[in-house]
Amino acid sequence: MSDTHAESVAFVRETALPPTAPPMAASGPVLWARTNLFATWPNAILSIAAAYVIYLILAATLPWMLNGVWTADSLRGCREVLDGTSGACFSVLTERWNQLLFGFNYPSELYWRPTLAFVLLFVAAAPVLFFDLPRKLLIFTGLYPFLAYWLIWGGTIFIPLVALIGVIVGYAVYDRLVKRNFALGFFSGIAAAAVVWWIGGALIEQFAFGAPMMEEIASRNLGGFMLNMMLGVTCVSLSLPIGVALALGRQSSLPVVKMICVVFIEFIRGVPLITLLFVANVMLAYFFPPGSGVDLFLRVVIMITMFSAAYIAEVIRGGLAALPKGQYEAADSLGLDYAQSMRLIILPQALKISIPGIVNIAVGLFKDTTLVSVISLFDIVGMIRGPILASTDWAGVYWELFMFAGGMFFIVCYGISQYSQWLERRLATDHR
């Protein structure tokens, strides 16, 4: 080929040009702002107005917070340090943190016990919340409630052991009767466990098995945010299975079981929670055997659990109603009995549909635990309104204390919300 002909052939590049960065308006923060904040004129106006409101709030609060005092021993000491300038008195948090978290009667040398129970809570909840973990960890999950009880309340080890035996007996009764009817087996199991607990408690009190292995703490000495966490975790954990049983019992073919569940759900949902708490404080003890001395904390747990279970039952009933009839027919065609069809086919789908409603009730229940302050249980709000603000050193400090309480509740509720969203994505609740 001649040189002249070679020069007339078009040049073909053998290597690709290096990629260039996209324009600023087509990527990064600029693209995000154009898409989410200024996509339309109404969106742009609302974004600017919201930014201005946020600026006003921060301009008023940031100097007050950044100028806060952390080392004074009273409100008067904060004012002396501030010397007429505006600033927060965060010293109340550093001075009374132990009362805000543990109450004012829980012995300070025993703070390690509820702290250890709180840390172990995450270990126990992990295999339930994240189902990819080994199933063997569920053994510790089942033992955790009895271990946590012993750590927080102390006393003899025989009390949580009797409670564990009662749960085992109750499960055996449930497993025997659940094939006939889920609600019948569930409530029969609860009744059997309650009988074992009552007999075991009477035997422990009668024969005084062993001396306390740890210093015993009365429920009246529990308080602070620890009490809110204990009520929230306990009541949510108990109300979910009871709510499932009530929802299935309301659809039961047994007229007596159905009537009991309907009356219970409608009555509880028609009564305010604060009324039930007053009932727990004043009247519920009359329903127990004379001289049993049922603890106020237990009575409050029973009432809050009943309240939450009634609402969860309706949420789950909605999930059951959303399932097509073909799912029930598919279970029958596979030859599954009632318990197997509910456990393997019906309930997993109904619970997935019900996740947003259940989480909404759990968040509301956790915040409603502050209502126990009206019956003289000093949770974190009760501690603020009672001993802390009643003291002459901190009378008049409001914003700092309630901001701390609100922050603690926000952390827990936000964590629950984020976990529920992750769970929905993981389980593909939208059936994509």
Protein backbone atom coordinates (compact mmCIF):
# COMPACT_ATOMS: atom_id res chain seq x y z
CA MET A 1 0.00 0.00 0.00
CA SER A 2 1.44 3.36 -0.98
CA ASP A 3 2.10 6.11 1.53
CA THR A 4 -0.48 8.35 -0.18
CA HIS A 5 -3.22 5.74 0.21
CA ALA A 6 -2.27 5.11 3.88
CA GLU A 7 -2.64 8.79 4.67
CA SER A 8 -6.19 8.82 3.24
CA VAL A 9 -7.45 6.08 5.62
CA ALA A 10 -9.37 7.44 8.69
CA PHE A 11 -7.61 7.14 12.03
CA VAL A 12 -9.03 4.50 14.36
CA ARG A 13 -8.23 4.91 18.08
CA GLU A 14 -7.11 1.73 19.76
CA THR A 15 -7.62 2.95 23.37
CA ALA A 16 -10.65 4.63 24.97
CA LEU A 17 -10.51 8.20 26.12
CA PRO A 18 -10.43 8.58 29.93
CA PRO A 19 -13.90 9.40 31.33
CA THR A 20 -14.49 13.00 32.25
CA ALA A 21 -16.38 14.20 35.29
CA PRO A 22 -20.08 14.99 34.69
CA PRO A 23 -21.18 18.62 34.84
CA MET A 24 -21.84 19.99 38.32
CA ALA A 25 -25.50 20.47 37.51
CA ALA A 26 -25.87 16.78 36.59
CA SER A 27 -24.42 15.15 39.71
CA GLY A 28 -23.63 15.62 43.38
CA PRO A 29 -25.27 18.12 45.75
CA VAL A 30 -26.45 20.38 42.94
CA LEU A 31 -28.43 17.59 41.28
CA TRP A 32 -29.86 16.47 44.65
CA ALA A 33 -30.95 20.04 45.47
CA ARG A 34 -32.55 20.55 42.06
CA THR A 35 -34.36 17.22 42.27
CA ASN A 36 -35.53 17.31 45.88
CA LEU A 37 -35.70 20.97 46.89
CA PHE A 38 -36.20 23.09 43.77
CA ALA A 39 -37.88 20.77 41.27
CA THR A 40 -40.89 23.09 40.95
CA TRP A 41 -41.70 26.63 42.00
CA PRO A 42 -43.93 25.55 44.91
CA ASN A 43 -41.20 23.18 46.12
CA ALA A 44 -38.62 25.95 45.89
CA ILE A 45 -40.79 28.38 47.90
CA LEU A 46 -41.47 25.76 50.58
CA SER A 47 -37.77 24.83 50.77
CA ILE A 48 -36.73 28.45 51.23
CA ALA A 49 -39.42 29.01 53.88
CA ALA A 50 -38.39 25.85 55.75
CA ALA A 51 -34.73 26.88 55.64
CA TYR A 52 -35.66 30.28 57.08
CA VAL A 53 -37.64 28.68 59.93
CA ILE A 54 -34.73 26.36 60.71
CA TYR A 55 -32.40 29.36 60.72
CA LEU A 56 -34.62 31.22 63.21
CA ILE A 57 -34.77 28.19 65.52
CA LEU A 58 -31.02 27.60 65.42
CA ALA A 59 -30.25 31.30 65.83
CA ALA A 60 -32.29 31.33 69.03
CA THR A 61 -31.18 27.99 70.51
CA LEU A 62 -27.56 27.42 69.45
CA PRO A 63 -26.09 30.36 71.41
CA TRP A 64 -28.11 29.30 74.45
CA MET A 65 -26.82 25.70 74.20
CA LEU A 66 -23.21 26.56 73.31
CA ASN A 67 -23.05 28.98 76.22
CA GLY A 68 -24.30 26.32 78.62
CA VAL A 69 -22.74 25.66 82.03
CA TRP A 70 -21.80 22.08 83.00
CA THR A 71 -19.84 22.46 86.24
CA ALA A 72 -22.05 24.39 88.68
CA ASP A 73 -23.63 22.72 91.69
CA SER A 74 -26.97 24.56 91.58
CA LEU A 75 -29.08 26.91 89.46
CA ARG A 76 -27.71 29.82 91.46
CA GLY A 77 -24.18 28.73 90.59
CA CYS A 78 -25.13 28.62 86.87
CA ARG A 79 -26.43 32.17 87.03
CA GLU A 80 -23.26 33.35 88.72
CA VAL A 81 -21.14 31.79 85.98
CA LEU A 82 -23.33 33.19 83.20
CA ASP A 83 -23.29 36.65 84.84
CA GLY A 84 -26.38 37.94 83.09
CA THR A 85 -25.75 36.31 79.71
CA SER A 86 -28.12 33.79 78.16
CA GLY A 87 -27.10 30.15 78.54
CA ALA A 88 -28.34 26.72 79.53
CA CYS A 89 -27.75 25.20 82.95
CA PHE A 90 -26.66 21.70 81.89
CA SER A 91 -25.08 21.21 85.28
CA VAL A 92 -28.33 19.63 86.43
CA LEU A 93 -27.61 16.75 84.06
CA THR A 94 -24.08 16.18 85.32
CA GLU A 95 -25.26 16.52 88.92
CA ARG A 96 -28.40 14.36 88.72
CA TRP A 97 -27.64 11.93 85.85
CA ASN A 98 -27.86 8.95 88.18
CA GLN A 99 -31.36 9.89 89.30
CA LEU A 100 -32.50 10.51 85.73
CA LEU A 101 -31.30 7.06 84.68
CA PHE A 102 -31.80 4.88 87.78
CA GLY A 103 -34.09 6.82 90.15
CA PHE A 104 -33.20 8.24 93.53
CA ASN A 105 -33.61 5.11 95.67
CA TYR A 106 -31.70 2.49 93.69
CA PRO A 107 -28.35 1.91 95.49
CA SER A 108 -25.51 3.56 93.59
CA GLU A 109 -23.12 0.69 94.31
CA LEU A 110 -25.52 -1.64 92.45
CA TYR A 111 -25.81 0.37 89.23
CA TRP A 112 -23.77 -2.33 87.53
CA ARG A 113 -26.68 -4.75 87.76
CA PRO A 114 -29.26 -2.88 85.63
CA THR A 115 -26.42 -1.73 83.35
CA LEU A 116 -25.39 -5.35 82.76
CA ALA A 117 -29.04 -6.31 82.17
CA PHE A 118 -29.31 -3.50 79.60
CA VAL A 119 -26.19 -4.67 77.74
CA LEU A 120 -27.38 -8.29 77.74
CA LEU A 121 -30.69 -7.11 76.29
CA PHE A 122 -29.00 -6.48 72.95
CA VAL A 123 -27.43 -9.94 73.01
CA ALA A 124 -30.80 -11.53 73.76
CA ALA A 125 -32.72 -9.47 71.18
CA ALA A 126 -30.20 -9.96 68.36
CA PRO A 127 -31.31 -13.47 67.22
CA VAL A 128 -34.96 -12.32 67.28
CA LEU A 129 -34.42 -9.09 65.39
CA PHE A 130 -31.80 -10.37 62.94
CA PHE A 131 -32.85 -13.84 61.85
CA ASP A 132 -29.59 -14.60 60.00
CA LEU A 133 -27.86 -15.28 63.30
CA PRO A 134 -27.51 -18.88 64.57
CA ARG A 135 -30.73 -20.22 66.05
CA LYS A 136 -28.83 -21.60 69.04
CA LEU A 137 -28.64 -18.05 70.39
CA LEU A 138 -32.38 -18.23 71.03
CA ILE A 139 -31.60 -20.32 74.10
CA PHE A 140 -30.09 -17.26 75.76
CA THR A 141 -33.03 -15.19 74.51
CA GLY A 142 -35.41 -17.49 76.36
CA LEU A 143 -33.35 -17.37 79.55
CA TYR A 144 -32.73 -13.61 79.46
CA PRO A 145 -36.02 -12.42 81.09
CA PHE A 146 -35.36 -14.53 84.18
CA LEU A 147 -31.70 -13.48 84.33
CA ALA A 148 -32.63 -9.80 83.93
CA TYR A 149 -35.23 -10.09 86.69
CA TRP A 150 -32.65 -11.55 89.07
CA LEU A 151 -30.06 -8.90 88.17
CA ILE A 152 -32.39 -5.93 88.64
CA TRP A 153 -34.45 -7.08 91.63
CA GLY A 154 -31.98 -9.47 93.26
CA GLY A 155 -33.22 -11.76 95.98
CA THR A 156 -33.20 -15.55 95.88
CA ILE A 157 -32.47 -17.37 92.64
CA PHE A 158 -35.46 -19.66 93.21
CA ILE A 159 -37.99 -17.01 92.17
CA PRO A 160 -36.80 -16.75 88.53
CA LEU A 161 -36.29 -20.54 88.48
CA VAL A 162 -39.92 -21.12 89.47
CA ALA A 163 -40.98 -18.62 86.80
CA LEU A 164 -38.91 -20.53 84.22
CA ILE A 165 -40.52 -23.83 85.24
CA GLY A 166 -43.95 -22.20 84.90
CA VAL A 167 -43.13 -21.07 81.37
CA ILE A 168 -41.98 -24.58 80.44
CA VAL A 169 -45.18 -26.12 81.84
CA GLY A 170 -47.29 -23.49 80.07
CA TYR A 171 -45.57 -24.21 76.77
CA ALA A 172 -46.18 -27.93 77.20
CA VAL A 173 -49.91 -27.28 77.70
CA TYR A 174 -49.95 -24.92 74.72
CA ASP A 175 -48.21 -27.47 72.50
CA ARG A 176 -50.77 -30.09 73.51
CA LEU A 177 -53.86 -27.97 72.78
CA VAL A 178 -52.73 -25.70 69.95
CA LYS A 179 -53.61 -28.30 67.30
CA ARG A 180 -57.26 -27.94 68.25
CA ASN A 181 -57.33 -24.16 68.43
CA PHE A 182 -54.53 -21.62 68.70
CA ALA A 183 -56.28 -19.23 71.07
CA LEU A 184 -57.47 -22.08 73.31
CA GLY A 185 -53.95 -23.52 73.53
CA PHE A 186 -52.35 -20.13 74.11
CA PHE A 187 -54.61 -19.01 76.94
CA SER A 188 -54.58 -22.48 78.50
CA GLY A 189 -50.79 -22.33 78.53
CA ILE A 190 -50.89 -18.94 80.26
CA ALA A 191 -53.29 -20.31 82.87
CA ALA A 192 -51.07 -23.35 83.51
CA ALA A 193 -47.99 -21.14 83.89
CA ALA A 194 -49.87 -18.85 86.30
CA VAL A 195 -50.86 -21.83 88.47
CA VAL A 196 -47.24 -23.01 88.65
CA TRP A 197 -46.07 -19.50 89.54
CA TRP A 198 -48.67 -19.16 92.28
CA ILE A 199 -47.87 -22.58 93.80
CA GLY A 200 -44.12 -22.02 93.50
CA GLY A 201 -44.35 -18.57 95.06
CA ALA A 202 -46.37 -19.95 97.97
CA LEU A 203 -43.80 -22.70 98.54
CA ILE A 204 -40.88 -20.25 98.45
CA GLU A 205 -42.65 -17.98 100.93
CA GLN A 206 -43.67 -20.90 103.15
CA PHE A 207 -40.35 -22.75 103.34
CA ALA A 208 -38.02 -19.79 102.63
CA PHE A 209 -35.78 -21.70 100.25
CA GLY A 210 -32.28 -20.33 100.67
CA ALA A 211 -31.06 -16.91 101.62
CA PRO A 212 -31.03 -14.13 99.03
CA MET A 213 -28.00 -14.56 96.80
CA MET A 214 -28.02 -10.89 95.86
CA GLU A 215 -29.24 -7.82 97.68
CA GLU A 216 -32.98 -7.52 97.10
CA ILE A 217 -34.34 -4.28 95.63
CA ALA A 218 -37.99 -3.33 96.04
CA SER A 219 -39.92 -2.17 92.98
CA ARG A 220 -40.56 1.16 94.68
CA ASN A 221 -36.82 1.81 94.41
CA LEU A 222 -36.83 1.47 90.62
CA GLY A 223 -37.02 4.70 88.70
CA GLY A 224 -35.62 6.94 86.03
CA PHE A 225 -35.27 5.99 82.39
CA MET A 226 -34.46 2.45 83.54
CA LEU A 227 -38.12 2.08 84.57
CA ASN A 228 -39.33 3.32 81.18
CA MET A 229 -37.07 0.83 79.40
CA MET A 230 -38.20 -2.04 81.62
CA LEU A 231 -41.89 -1.28 81.08
CA GLY A 232 -41.48 -0.70 77.34
CA VAL A 233 -39.46 -3.84 76.61
CA THR A 234 -41.54 -6.07 78.88
CA CYS A 235 -44.96 -4.87 77.73
CA VAL A 236 -44.14 -4.86 74.01
CA SER A 237 -42.62 -8.35 74.24
CA LEU A 238 -45.68 -9.72 76.05
CA SER A 239 -48.37 -7.86 74.12
CA LEU A 240 -47.28 -9.11 70.69
CA PRO A 241 -48.00 -12.85 71.24
CA ILE A 242 -51.12 -12.02 73.28
CA GLY A 243 -52.31 -9.74 70.48
CA VAL A 244 -51.79 -12.54 67.94
CA ALA A 245 -53.80 -14.91 70.13
CA LEU A 246 -56.60 -12.34 70.53
CA ALA A 247 -56.74 -11.71 66.78
CA LEU A 248 -56.99 -15.43 66.04
CA GLY A 249 -59.43 -15.91 68.91
CA ARG A 250 -61.70 -13.24 67.45
CA GLN A 251 -61.87 -15.32 64.28
CA SER A 252 -62.25 -18.60 66.16
CA SER A 253 -65.04 -21.05 65.40
CA LEU A 254 -65.54 -21.61 69.15
CA PRO A 255 -68.30 -19.18 70.24
CA VAL A 256 -67.04 -18.85 73.83
CA VAL A 257 -63.45 -18.05 72.78
CA LYS A 258 -64.64 -15.60 70.14
CA MET A 259 -67.00 -13.83 72.54
CA ILE A 260 -64.32 -13.47 75.23
CA CYS A 261 -61.81 -12.02 72.75
CA VAL A 262 -64.33 -9.60 71.23
CA VAL A 263 -65.48 -8.31 74.63
CA PHE A 264 -61.89 -7.96 75.86
CA ILE A 265 -60.68 -6.07 72.77
CA GLU A 266 -63.63 -3.70 72.57
CA PHE A 267 -63.63 -2.97 76.30
CA ILE A 268 -59.88 -2.28 76.53
CA ARG A 269 -59.90 -0.11 73.41
CA GLY A 270 -62.73 1.95 74.87
CA VAL A 271 -60.92 2.80 78.12
CA PRO A 272 -58.03 5.33 78.41
CA LEU A 273 -54.68 3.93 79.52
CA ILE A 274 -54.49 6.30 82.48
CA THR A 275 -57.74 4.80 83.79
CA LEU A 276 -56.25 1.31 83.58
CA LEU A 277 -53.19 2.51 85.47
CA PHE A 278 -55.38 3.80 88.29
CA VAL A 279 -57.14 0.44 88.30
CA ALA A 280 -53.74 -1.27 88.53
CA ASN A 281 -52.79 0.96 91.44
CA VAL A 282 -56.01 0.68 93.43
CA MET A 283 -58.22 -2.23 92.38
CA LEU A 284 -56.18 -4.92 90.64
CA ALA A 285 -54.76 -6.29 93.89
CA TYR A 286 -58.29 -7.42 94.86
CA PHE A 287 -58.31 -9.90 91.94
CA PHE A 288 -55.36 -11.83 93.39
CA PRO A 289 -55.45 -14.24 96.36
CA PRO A 290 -55.52 -12.55 99.80
CA GLY A 291 -52.09 -11.88 101.18
CA SER A 292 -50.35 -12.44 97.85
CA GLY A 293 -49.04 -8.87 97.88
CA VAL A 294 -48.76 -8.53 94.10
CA ASP A 295 -46.14 -5.94 93.29
CA LEU A 296 -47.25 -2.60 91.80
CA PHE A 297 -44.76 -2.98 88.95
CA LEU A 298 -46.33 -6.32 88.00
CA ARG A 299 -49.82 -4.81 88.13
CA VAL A 300 -48.73 -1.96 85.86
CA VAL A 301 -47.14 -4.43 83.43
CA ILE A 302 -50.38 -6.42 83.32
CA MET A 303 -52.51 -3.38 82.54
CA ILE A 304 -50.18 -1.84 79.93
CA THR A 305 -49.77 -5.25 78.27
CA MET A 306 -53.55 -5.72 78.11
CA PHE A 307 -53.96 -2.24 76.66
CA SER A 308 -51.31 -2.75 73.99
CA ALA A 309 -52.41 -6.31 73.16
CA ALA A 310 -55.94 -5.13 72.32
CA TYR A 311 -54.63 -2.63 69.76
CA ILE A 312 -52.10 -5.07 68.31
CA ALA A 313 -54.90 -7.64 67.95
CA GLU A 314 -56.85 -5.26 65.72
CA VAL A 315 -53.77 -4.50 63.63
CA ILE A 316 -53.07 -8.19 63.11
CA ARG A 317 -56.75 -8.86 62.37
CA GLY A 318 -56.44 -6.33 59.57
CA GLY A 319 -53.41 -8.21 58.26
CA LEU A 320 -55.35 -11.48 58.37
CA ALA A 321 -58.28 -9.91 56.54
CA ALA A 322 -55.94 -8.60 53.83
CA LEU A 323 -54.85 -12.10 52.86
CA PRO A 324 -56.77 -13.65 49.96
CA LYS A 325 -58.91 -16.68 50.67
CA GLY A 326 -56.66 -18.73 48.42
CA GLN A 327 -53.93 -18.72 51.08
CA TYR A 328 -56.19 -20.55 53.51
CA GLU A 329 -57.26 -22.96 50.78
CA ALA A 330 -53.63 -23.58 49.86
CA ALA A 331 -52.88 -24.55 53.46
CA ASP A 332 -55.82 -26.97 53.47
CA SER A 333 -54.72 -28.49 50.16
CA LEU A 334 -51.30 -29.26 51.66
CA GLY A 335 -52.95 -31.24 54.44
CA LEU A 336 -51.79 -28.87 57.21
CA ASP A 337 -53.71 -28.70 60.46
CA TYR A 338 -54.79 -25.37 62.01
CA ALA A 339 -51.59 -24.74 63.98
CA GLN A 340 -49.31 -25.63 61.07
CA SER A 341 -51.20 -23.51 58.55
CA MET A 342 -51.14 -20.52 60.89
CA ARG A 343 -47.47 -20.91 61.78
CA LEU A 344 -46.15 -21.66 58.30
CA ILE A 345 -48.44 -19.83 55.86
CA ILE A 346 -51.00 -17.42 57.31
CA LEU A 347 -49.29 -15.62 60.21
CA PRO A 348 -45.94 -14.91 58.44
CA GLN A 349 -47.81 -13.06 55.67
CA ALA A 350 -50.22 -11.30 58.04
CA LEU A 351 -47.39 -10.14 60.32
CA LYS A 352 -45.45 -8.76 57.36
CA ILE A 353 -48.45 -6.69 56.34
CA SER A 354 -48.95 -5.56 59.93
CA ILE A 355 -45.37 -4.37 60.58
CA PRO A 356 -46.09 -0.60 60.25
CA GLY A 357 -49.10 -0.79 62.56
CA ILE A 358 -47.30 -2.89 65.16
CA VAL A 359 -44.33 -0.52 65.19
CA ASN A 360 -46.64 2.47 65.54
CA ILE A 361 -48.25 0.87 68.60
CA ALA A 362 -44.85 -0.08 70.06
CA VAL A 363 -43.55 3.49 69.73
CA GLY A 364 -46.73 4.92 71.24
CA LEU A 365 -46.62 2.40 74.08
CA PHE A 366 -43.02 3.23 74.92
CA LYS A 367 -43.85 6.93 75.15
CA ASP A 368 -46.98 6.20 77.20
CA THR A 369 -44.85 4.59 79.90
CA THR A 370 -44.37 8.13 81.24
CA LEU A 371 -47.98 7.99 82.46
CA VAL A 372 -46.89 5.80 85.37
CA SER A 373 -45.74 8.98 87.11
CA VAL A 374 -49.39 9.67 87.99
CA ILE A 375 -49.48 6.57 90.23
CA SER A 376 -46.28 7.45 92.10
CA LEU A 377 -43.80 5.46 90.01
CA PHE A 378 -40.84 7.74 89.44
CA ASP A 379 -39.87 7.21 85.82
CA ILE A 380 -37.70 9.83 84.13
CA VAL A 381 -40.58 12.32 83.86
CA GLY A 382 -41.64 11.58 87.42
CA MET A 383 -38.07 12.20 88.58
CA ILE A 384 -38.00 15.55 86.79
CA ARG A 385 -41.39 16.72 88.04
CA GLY A 386 -40.83 15.34 91.54
CA PRO A 387 -37.50 15.13 93.40
CA ILE A 388 -35.35 17.17 91.01
CA LEU A 389 -37.55 20.22 90.46
CA ALA A 390 -38.74 20.05 94.06
CA SER A 391 -35.20 20.60 95.33
CA THR A 392 -34.17 24.16 96.07
CA ASP A 393 -30.95 23.75 94.08
CA TRP A 394 -32.62 23.12 90.71
CA ALA A 395 -36.09 24.68 91.02
CA GLY A 396 -36.70 26.54 87.77
CA VAL A 397 -34.61 24.33 85.45
CA TYR A 398 -37.08 22.97 82.90
CA TRP A 399 -35.80 23.06 79.33
CA GLU A 400 -32.55 21.24 80.04
CA LEU A 401 -34.23 18.36 81.86
CA PHE A 402 -37.08 17.84 79.43
CA MET A 403 -34.71 18.14 76.45
CA PHE A 404 -32.65 15.32 77.95
CA ALA A 405 -35.77 13.17 78.48
CA GLY A 406 -37.00 13.92 74.97
CA GLY A 407 -33.60 13.02 73.52
CA MET A 408 -33.57 9.66 75.29
CA PHE A 409 -37.05 8.80 74.02
CA PHE A 410 -36.18 10.00 70.52
CA ILE A 411 -33.11 7.74 70.34
CA VAL A 412 -35.14 4.64 71.26
CA CYS A 413 -38.16 5.46 69.09
CA TYR A 414 -36.03 6.41 66.11
CA GLY A 415 -34.11 3.15 66.45
CA ILE A 416 -37.38 1.19 66.46
CA SER A 417 -38.57 3.07 63.38
CA GLN A 418 -35.35 2.49 61.45
CA TYR A 419 -35.35 -1.21 62.32
CA SER A 420 -38.94 -1.58 61.11
CA GLN A 421 -38.06 0.05 57.78
CA TRP A 422 -35.09 -2.28 57.39
CA LEU A 423 -37.31 -5.25 58.23
CA GLU A 424 -39.90 -4.21 55.65
CA ARG A 425 -37.23 -3.97 52.96
CA ARG A 426 -35.73 -7.28 54.00
CA LEU A 427 -39.06 -9.10 53.97
CA ALA A 428 -40.26 -7.33 50.81
CA THR A 429 -43.52 -6.38 52.47
CA ASP A 430 -44.77 -4.77 49.27
CA HIS A 431 -44.75 -8.21 47.56
CA ARG A 432 -42.55 -7.11 44.69
